[in-house]
Amino acid sequence: MKYNHVTFSFSIAAKGENDNELKEYAADVLENEAWDYMKMLVRSPENAEIGEEIDPVEIPDFFYDEGESDDSN
């Protein structure tokens, strides 16, 4: 089984007088249109990139049903 982070990339058109206003505008758009962005990401998994491998010690933090590895055998 592989365990990696997967990075989804998307951009939001924004307007503002400076970088902070651009970021605030984009955050507001994302907050108000989050479902549309989620649908876009789900429908376009080819735009995702496989990121860093998850450290085996961290697997239970991300995948609760995996539990601790059984080293007792």
C-alpha atoms as a PDB file:
ATOM      1  CA  MET A   1       0.000   0.000   0.000  1.00  0.00           C
ATOM      2  CA  LYS A   2       1.296   3.470  -0.863  1.00  0.00           C
ATOM      3  CA  TYR A   3       0.697   6.446   1.407  1.00  0.00           C
ATOM      4  CA  ASN A   4       1.398   9.878  -0.072  1.00  0.00           C
ATOM      5  CA  HIS A   5       0.049  13.374   0.144  1.00  0.00           C
ATOM      6  CA  VAL A   6      -1.780  14.431  -3.019  1.00  0.00           C
ATOM      7  CA  THR A   7      -1.684  18.085  -4.008  1.00  0.00           C
ATOM      8  CA  PHE A   8      -4.634  19.633  -5.817  1.00  0.00           C
ATOM      9  CA  SER A   9      -3.856  22.919  -7.533  1.00  0.00           C
ATOM     10  CA  PHE A  10      -6.352  25.545  -8.563  1.00  0.00           C
ATOM     11  CA  SER A  11      -6.462  29.283  -8.884  1.00  0.00           C
ATOM     12  CA  ILE A  12      -9.066  31.933  -8.164  1.00  0.00           C
ATOM     13  CA  ALA A  13      -9.408  35.130 -10.154  1.00  0.00           C
ATOM     14  CA  ALA A  14      -9.096  38.041  -7.733  1.00  0.00           C
ATOM     15  CA  LYS A  15      -8.994  41.826  -7.729  1.00  0.00           C
ATOM     16  CA  GLY A  16      -7.495  44.301  -5.304  1.00  0.00           C
ATOM     17  CA  GLU A  17      -5.137  47.209  -4.814  1.00  0.00           C
ATOM     18  CA  ASN A  18      -2.353  45.135  -3.221  1.00  0.00           C
ATOM     19  CA  ASP A  19      -1.379  41.540  -2.415  1.00  0.00           C
ATOM     20  CA  ASN A  20      -3.359  41.487   0.825  1.00  0.00           C
ATOM     21  CA  GLU A  21      -6.545  42.627  -0.923  1.00  0.00           C
ATOM     22  CA  LEU A  22      -6.005  40.011  -3.639  1.00  0.00           C
ATOM     23  CA  LYS A  23      -5.644  37.277  -1.016  1.00  0.00           C
ATOM     24  CA  GLU A  24      -8.675  38.505   0.956  1.00  0.00           C
ATOM     25  CA  TYR A  25     -10.783  38.646  -2.201  1.00  0.00           C
ATOM     26  CA  ALA A  26      -9.742  35.133  -3.218  1.00  0.00           C
ATOM     27  CA  ALA A  27     -10.432  33.818   0.295  1.00  0.00           C
ATOM     28  CA  ASP A  28     -13.915  35.340   0.193  1.00  0.00           C
ATOM     29  CA  VAL A  29     -14.594  33.789  -3.205  1.00  0.00           C
ATOM     30  CA  LEU A  30     -13.386  30.410  -1.966  1.00  0.00           C
ATOM     31  CA  GLU A  31     -15.544  30.652   1.147  1.00  0.00           C
ATOM     32  CA  ASN A  32     -18.639  31.522  -0.901  1.00  0.00           C
ATOM     33  CA  GLU A  33     -17.997  29.120  -3.786  1.00  0.00           C
ATOM     34  CA  ALA A  34     -16.224  26.269  -1.997  1.00  0.00           C
ATOM     35  CA  TRP A  35     -18.640  23.621  -3.258  1.00  0.00           C
ATOM     36  CA  ASP A  36     -17.998  24.631  -6.884  1.00  0.00           C
ATOM     37  CA  TYR A  37     -14.246  24.385  -6.344  1.00  0.00           C
ATOM     38  CA  MET A  38     -14.624  21.002  -4.631  1.00  0.00           C
ATOM     39  CA  LYS A  39     -16.640  19.697  -7.586  1.00  0.00           C
ATOM     40  CA  MET A  40     -13.961  20.970  -9.976  1.00  0.00           C
ATOM     41  CA  LEU A  41     -11.220  19.158  -8.040  1.00  0.00           C
ATOM     42  CA  VAL A  42     -13.182  15.920  -7.821  1.00  0.00           C
ATOM     43  CA  ARG A  43     -14.036  15.970 -11.517  1.00  0.00           C
ATOM     44  CA  SER A  44     -10.452  16.684 -12.593  1.00  0.00           C
ATOM     45  CA  PRO A  45      -8.177  14.333 -10.644  1.00  0.00           C
ATOM     46  CA  GLU A  46      -5.677  14.470 -13.512  1.00  0.00           C
ATOM     47  CA  ASN A  47      -4.743  17.938 -12.223  1.00  0.00           C
ATOM     48  CA  ALA A  48      -3.554  16.460  -8.926  1.00  0.00           C
ATOM     49  CA  GLU A  49       0.092  15.722  -8.217  1.00  0.00           C
ATOM     50  CA  ILE A  50       1.491  13.023  -5.969  1.00  0.00           C
ATOM     51  CA  GLY A  51       3.415  14.717  -3.195  1.00  0.00           C
ATOM     52  CA  GLU A  52       5.702  13.529  -0.448  1.00  0.00           C
ATOM     53  CA  GLU A  53       5.365  10.085   1.017  1.00  0.00           C
ATOM     54  CA  ILE A  54       3.656   9.915   4.390  1.00  0.00           C
ATOM     55  CA  ASP A  55       5.943   8.743   7.180  1.00  0.00           C
ATOM     56  CA  PRO A  56       4.747   5.344   8.448  1.00  0.00           C
ATOM     57  CA  VAL A  57       4.556   6.767  11.987  1.00  0.00           C
ATOM     58  CA  GLU A  58       2.001   9.338  10.763  1.00  0.00           C
ATOM     59  CA  ILE A  59      -0.268   6.880   8.908  1.00  0.00           C
ATOM     60  CA  PRO A  60      -2.672   6.425  11.868  1.00  0.00           C
ATOM     61  CA  ASP A  61      -2.996  10.229  12.082  1.00  0.00           C
ATOM     62  CA  PHE A  62      -4.427  10.357   8.558  1.00  0.00           C
ATOM     63  CA  PHE A  63      -6.063   6.934   8.220  1.00  0.00           C
ATOM     64  CA  TYR A  64      -7.808   6.093  11.483  1.00  0.00           C
ATOM     65  CA  ASP A  65      -9.033   2.736  10.196  1.00  0.00           C
ATOM     66  CA  GLU A  66      -5.433   1.635   9.556  1.00  0.00           C
ATOM     67  CA  GLY A  67      -4.583   1.753  13.258  1.00  0.00           C
ATOM     68  CA  GLU A  68      -1.107   1.050  14.491  1.00  0.00           C
ATOM     69  CA  SER A  69       1.012  -1.350  12.496  1.00  0.00           C
ATOM     70  CA  ASP A  70       1.039  -4.798  14.046  1.00  0.00           C
ATOM     71  CA  ASP A  71       4.650  -5.417  15.070  1.00  0.00           C
ATOM     72  CA  SER A  72       3.729  -8.039  17.674  1.00  0.00           C
ATOM     73  CA  ASN A  73       4.150 -11.045  15.307  1.00  0.00           C
END
